[in-house]
């Protein structure tokens, strides 16, 4: 909540997957928010688990308008594809 607005909605989909809905936010601002969340996560993870090097955060960003997603199902699918693309890029 420290990096989100009052109108934003954070939802746990299950397991370790979460969705952050940010109405009216463009791609650049979404990247800024995710970058801040990643920094906060990394800082907190290293504080809580100083000996663990395996804790990380991956994300995929998608937009109903910017990605021309016709519905929320397509939006989540696009975000999920980008999430796995980012995971592959960081695990190499």
C-alpha atoms as a PDB file:
ATOM      1  CA  UNK A   1       0.000   0.000   0.000  1.00  0.00           C
ATOM      2  CA  UNK A   2       2.973   2.326   0.479  1.00  0.00           C
ATOM      3  CA  UNK A   3       3.407   2.661  -3.291  1.00  0.00           C
ATOM      4  CA  UNK A   4      -0.218   2.550  -4.440  1.00  0.00           C
ATOM      5  CA  UNK A   5      -3.051   5.027  -4.608  1.00  0.00           C
ATOM      6  CA  UNK A   6      -6.364   4.764  -2.792  1.00  0.00           C
ATOM      7  CA  UNK A   7      -8.134   3.755  -6.034  1.00  0.00           C
ATOM      8  CA  UNK A   8      -5.646   0.968  -6.818  1.00  0.00           C
ATOM      9  CA  UNK A   9      -6.610  -2.595  -6.011  1.00  0.00           C
ATOM     10  CA  UNK A  10      -4.198  -5.338  -4.972  1.00  0.00           C
ATOM     11  CA  UNK A  11      -5.571  -8.885  -5.180  1.00  0.00           C
ATOM     12  CA  UNK A  12      -4.006 -12.268  -4.473  1.00  0.00           C
ATOM     13  CA  UNK A  13      -4.886 -14.677  -7.285  1.00  0.00           C
ATOM     14  CA  UNK A  14      -3.482 -17.678  -5.450  1.00  0.00           C
ATOM     15  CA  UNK A  15      -0.175 -19.055  -4.309  1.00  0.00           C
ATOM     16  CA  UNK A  16       2.429 -16.398  -4.966  1.00  0.00           C
ATOM     17  CA  UNK A  17       0.554 -14.577  -7.736  1.00  0.00           C
ATOM     18  CA  UNK A  18      -0.885 -11.133  -7.198  1.00  0.00           C
ATOM     19  CA  UNK A  19      -2.560  -8.552  -9.424  1.00  0.00           C
ATOM     20  CA  UNK A  20      -2.326  -4.806  -8.956  1.00  0.00           C
ATOM     21  CA  UNK A  21      -5.077  -2.930 -10.793  1.00  0.00           C
ATOM     22  CA  UNK A  22      -4.184   0.734 -11.349  1.00  0.00           C
ATOM     23  CA  UNK A  23      -7.022   2.545 -13.163  1.00  0.00           C
ATOM     24  CA  UNK A  24      -5.927   5.389 -15.431  1.00  0.00           C
ATOM     25  CA  UNK A  25      -2.199   4.661 -15.107  1.00  0.00           C
ATOM     26  CA  UNK A  26      -0.075   4.643 -18.255  1.00  0.00           C
ATOM     27  CA  UNK A  27       2.683   2.117 -18.953  1.00  0.00           C
ATOM     28  CA  UNK A  28       5.523   4.381 -17.801  1.00  0.00           C
ATOM     29  CA  UNK A  29       3.884   5.043 -14.433  1.00  0.00           C
ATOM     30  CA  UNK A  30       3.103   1.329 -14.017  1.00  0.00           C
ATOM     31  CA  UNK A  31       6.801   0.561 -14.541  1.00  0.00           C
ATOM     32  CA  UNK A  32       7.713   3.187 -11.926  1.00  0.00           C
ATOM     33  CA  UNK A  33       5.297   1.663  -9.391  1.00  0.00           C
ATOM     34  CA  UNK A  34       6.499  -1.887 -10.045  1.00  0.00           C
ATOM     35  CA  UNK A  35      10.118  -0.729  -9.725  1.00  0.00           C
ATOM     36  CA  UNK A  36       9.334   0.833  -6.339  1.00  0.00           C
ATOM     37  CA  UNK A  37       7.517  -2.320  -5.205  1.00  0.00           C
ATOM     38  CA  UNK A  38      10.470  -4.449  -6.336  1.00  0.00           C
ATOM     39  CA  UNK A  39      12.930  -2.281  -4.381  1.00  0.00           C
ATOM     40  CA  UNK A  40      10.762  -2.437  -1.257  1.00  0.00           C
ATOM     41  CA  UNK A  41      10.367  -6.213  -1.619  1.00  0.00           C
ATOM     42  CA  UNK A  42      14.113  -6.729  -2.044  1.00  0.00           C
ATOM     43  CA  UNK A  43      14.943  -4.546   0.946  1.00  0.00           C
ATOM     44  CA  UNK A  44      12.377  -6.290   3.160  1.00  0.00           C
ATOM     45  CA  UNK A  45      13.384  -9.774   1.988  1.00  0.00           C
ATOM     46  CA  UNK A  46      17.063  -9.139   2.738  1.00  0.00           C
ATOM     47  CA  UNK A  47      16.156  -7.728   6.148  1.00  0.00           C
ATOM     48  CA  UNK A  48      13.993 -10.722   7.058  1.00  0.00           C
ATOM     49  CA  UNK A  49      16.162 -13.397   5.393  1.00  0.00           C
ATOM     50  CA  UNK A  50      19.723 -12.020   5.195  1.00  0.00           C
ATOM     51  CA  UNK A  51      21.275 -15.344   4.132  1.00  0.00           C
ATOM     52  CA  UNK A  52      18.868 -16.037   1.273  1.00  0.00           C
ATOM     53  CA  UNK A  53      19.891 -15.058  -2.244  1.00  0.00           C
ATOM     54  CA  UNK A  54      16.926 -16.778  -3.970  1.00  0.00           C
ATOM     55  CA  UNK A  55      14.129 -14.354  -3.057  1.00  0.00           C
ATOM     56  CA  UNK A  56      13.012 -12.208  -5.958  1.00  0.00           C
ATOM     57  CA  UNK A  57       9.979 -10.671  -7.561  1.00  0.00           C
ATOM     58  CA  UNK A  58       8.876 -11.058 -11.177  1.00  0.00           C
ATOM     59  CA  UNK A  59       6.132  -9.097 -12.891  1.00  0.00           C
ATOM     60  CA  UNK A  60       4.239  -8.625 -16.114  1.00  0.00           C
ATOM     61  CA  UNK A  61       2.555  -5.360 -17.039  1.00  0.00           C
ATOM     62  CA  UNK A  62      -0.484  -5.150 -19.318  1.00  0.00           C
ATOM     63  CA  UNK A  63      -3.044  -2.483 -20.189  1.00  0.00           C
ATOM     64  CA  UNK A  64      -6.628  -2.807 -21.388  1.00  0.00           C
ATOM     65  CA  UNK A  65      -6.182   0.218 -23.646  1.00  0.00           C
ATOM     66  CA  UNK A  66      -2.466   0.143 -24.483  1.00  0.00           C
ATOM     67  CA  UNK A  67      -2.457  -3.566 -25.318  1.00  0.00           C
ATOM     68  CA  UNK A  68      -5.938  -3.499 -26.883  1.00  0.00           C
ATOM     69  CA  UNK A  69      -7.137  -6.281 -24.596  1.00  0.00           C
ATOM     70  CA  UNK A  70     -10.835  -6.883 -25.264  1.00  0.00           C
ATOM     71  CA  UNK A  71     -11.542  -8.123 -21.731  1.00  0.00           C
ATOM     72  CA  UNK A  72      -9.976  -8.899 -18.359  1.00  0.00           C
ATOM     73  CA  UNK A  73      -9.194 -12.479 -19.366  1.00  0.00           C
ATOM     74  CA  UNK A  74      -7.031 -11.238 -22.239  1.00  0.00           C
ATOM     75  CA  UNK A  75      -5.493  -8.620 -19.948  1.00  0.00           C
ATOM     76  CA  UNK A  76      -4.445 -11.248 -17.385  1.00  0.00           C
ATOM     77  CA  UNK A  77      -3.164 -13.550 -20.147  1.00  0.00           C
ATOM     78  CA  UNK A  78      -1.006 -10.729 -21.562  1.00  0.00           C
ATOM     79  CA  UNK A  79       0.359  -9.859 -18.116  1.00  0.00           C
ATOM     80  CA  UNK A  80       1.049 -13.548 -17.416  1.00  0.00           C
ATOM     81  CA  UNK A  81       2.947 -13.964 -20.710  1.00  0.00           C
ATOM     82  CA  UNK A  82       5.095 -10.959 -19.856  1.00  0.00           C
ATOM     83  CA  UNK A  83       5.640 -12.251 -16.328  1.00  0.00           C
ATOM     84  CA  UNK A  84       7.063 -15.523 -17.631  1.00  0.00           C
ATOM     85  CA  UNK A  85       9.143 -13.695 -20.217  1.00  0.00           C
ATOM     86  CA  UNK A  86      10.650 -11.577 -17.405  1.00  0.00           C
ATOM     87  CA  UNK A  87      11.255 -14.656 -15.263  1.00  0.00           C
ATOM     88  CA  UNK A  88      13.163 -16.279 -18.115  1.00  0.00           C
ATOM     89  CA  UNK A  89      15.246 -13.153 -18.658  1.00  0.00           C
ATOM     90  CA  UNK A  90      16.253 -12.863 -14.998  1.00  0.00           C
ATOM     91  CA  UNK A  91      17.040 -16.535 -14.440  1.00  0.00           C
ATOM     92  CA  UNK A  92      19.801 -16.674 -17.042  1.00  0.00           C
END
